[in-house]
Amino acid sequence: MRPFDLKTHNRKKAFNCTVDKFLPFGNLLIMILCVVAGASYLLAVNHSNAMTLEAGKVKEEMNRLIEANRDLEIQATNLRSIDRIKTISGSELSMVTVSKYEYLTSAPIVVAVKR
């Protein structure tokens, strides 16, 4: 192998030869990379938009469920109110008010204990 001689070596010729040999493949490679990068970008943007729309739908559903829960809590509170219980006790359950209270007392119990 000969040592490299800068005076006799034509750099331009060597450079052009190398570039000319790979130029068609280089352009094709750059075009393929651009297409892949563009497709990847479009897929990423599409995925991001789809997730944003889905998150908005979930948020709407969550707000609707929170509102329904509030309505059910109000309804449960109304059903437990004292006025409603008084109304139902007379009409639906046929309960009557007591006029005289009589308490039951127990008789004293005799127990035998051995001492």
Protein backbone atom coordinates (compact mmCIF):
# COMPACT_ATOMS: atom_id res chain seq x y z
CA MET A 1 0.00 0.00 0.00
CA ARG A 2 1.28 3.42 -0.94
CA PRO A 3 1.43 6.28 1.54
CA PHE A 4 -1.05 9.06 0.94
CA ASP A 5 0.48 11.89 -1.05
CA LEU A 6 -1.46 15.12 -0.87
CA LYS A 7 0.20 16.58 -3.97
CA THR A 8 -0.64 13.76 -6.28
CA HIS A 9 -4.06 12.97 -4.90
CA ASN A 10 -6.91 14.73 -6.49
CA ARG A 11 -9.34 15.32 -3.69
CA LYS A 12 -12.12 16.57 -5.90
CA LYS A 13 -12.01 13.51 -8.07
CA ALA A 14 -12.03 11.16 -5.07
CA PHE A 15 -14.90 13.07 -3.42
CA ASN A 16 -17.01 13.16 -6.60
CA CYS A 17 -16.41 9.49 -7.21
CA THR A 18 -17.66 8.58 -3.73
CA VAL A 19 -20.64 10.92 -3.88
CA ASP A 20 -21.58 9.88 -7.42
CA LYS A 21 -21.54 6.26 -6.44
CA PHE A 22 -23.99 6.71 -3.52
CA LEU A 23 -25.96 9.75 -4.67
CA PRO A 24 -29.06 7.92 -6.01
CA PHE A 25 -29.30 5.82 -2.85
CA GLY A 26 -28.72 8.88 -0.66
CA ASN A 27 -31.61 10.78 -2.25
CA LEU A 28 -33.87 7.76 -1.95
CA LEU A 29 -32.87 7.30 1.68
CA ILE A 30 -33.57 10.96 2.46
CA MET A 31 -36.97 10.74 0.74
CA ILE A 32 -37.86 7.58 2.68
CA LEU A 33 -36.82 9.21 5.96
CA CYS A 34 -38.94 12.28 5.17
CA VAL A 35 -41.99 10.13 4.37
CA VAL A 36 -41.55 8.07 7.55
CA ALA A 37 -41.05 11.20 9.67
CA GLY A 38 -44.14 12.87 8.14
CA ALA A 39 -46.29 9.77 8.64
CA SER A 40 -45.09 9.47 12.25
CA TYR A 41 -45.95 13.11 12.88
CA LEU A 42 -49.44 12.72 11.39
CA LEU A 43 -50.08 9.59 13.46
CA ALA A 44 -48.92 11.34 16.64
CA VAL A 45 -51.13 14.38 16.01
CA ASN A 46 -54.11 12.17 15.16
CA HIS A 47 -53.61 10.10 18.32
CA SER A 48 -53.33 13.26 20.42
CA ASN A 49 -56.57 14.68 18.98
CA ALA A 50 -58.38 11.38 19.50
CA MET A 51 -57.31 11.28 23.15
CA THR A 52 -58.43 14.89 23.64
CA LEU A 53 -61.88 14.12 22.23
CA GLU A 54 -62.18 10.99 24.37
CA ALA A 55 -61.12 12.92 27.48
CA GLY A 56 -63.79 15.54 26.74
CA LYS A 57 -66.47 12.85 26.43
CA VAL A 58 -65.38 11.26 29.70
CA LYS A 59 -65.44 14.66 31.41
CA GLU A 60 -68.98 15.33 30.13
CA GLU A 61 -70.11 11.92 31.38
CA MET A 62 -68.50 12.58 34.76
CA ASN A 63 -70.28 15.94 35.08
CA ARG A 64 -73.60 14.32 34.14
CA LEU A 65 -73.10 11.61 36.77
CA ILE A 66 -72.18 14.19 39.43
CA GLU A 67 -75.40 16.10 38.65
CA ALA A 68 -77.44 12.87 38.81
CA ASN A 69 -75.81 12.05 42.15
CA ARG A 70 -76.79 15.47 43.52
CA ASP A 71 -80.39 14.92 42.41
CA LEU A 72 -80.46 11.50 44.06
CA GLU A 73 -79.04 12.91 47.30
CA ILE A 74 -81.76 15.59 47.36
CA GLN A 75 -84.40 12.96 46.68
CA ALA A 76 -83.03 10.73 49.49
CA THR A 77 -83.04 13.68 51.90
CA ASN A 78 -86.66 14.48 51.02
CA LEU A 79 -87.68 10.86 51.55
CA ARG A 80 -86.09 10.85 55.01
CA SER A 81 -87.68 14.11 56.18
CA ILE A 82 -89.83 14.14 59.34
CA ASP A 83 -92.82 15.79 57.59
CA ARG A 84 -92.95 13.04 54.99
CA ILE A 85 -92.72 10.33 57.64
CA LYS A 86 -95.62 11.95 59.57
CA THR A 87 -97.72 12.10 56.40
CA ILE A 88 -97.04 8.49 55.45
CA SER A 89 -97.57 7.15 58.98
CA GLY A 90 -101.20 8.25 59.00
CA SER A 91 -102.22 7.62 55.40
CA GLU A 92 -100.22 4.67 54.07
CA LEU A 93 -99.26 2.82 57.27
CA SER A 94 -102.56 3.36 59.15
CA MET A 95 -100.85 4.45 62.35
CA VAL A 96 -102.73 6.39 65.03
CA THR A 97 -101.51 8.82 67.63
CA VAL A 98 -101.39 7.58 71.21
CA SER A 99 -103.49 9.42 73.77
CA LYS A 100 -102.43 7.61 76.94
CA TYR A 101 -99.01 6.18 77.65
CA GLU A 102 -98.80 3.09 79.82
CA TYR A 103 -95.44 1.63 80.68
CA LEU A 104 -94.97 -2.03 81.49
CA THR A 105 -93.13 -2.90 84.65
CA SER A 106 -91.74 -6.24 85.51
CA ALA A 107 -92.47 -8.12 88.71
CA PRO A 108 -89.60 -8.52 91.12
CA ILE A 109 -87.71 -11.71 90.48
CA VAL A 110 -86.85 -13.91 93.44
CA VAL A 111 -83.57 -15.74 93.15
CA ALA A 112 -82.24 -18.28 95.66
CA VAL A 113 -78.56 -17.90 96.44
CA LYS A 114 -76.59 -20.34 98.62
CA ARG A 115 -74.25 -18.60 101.05
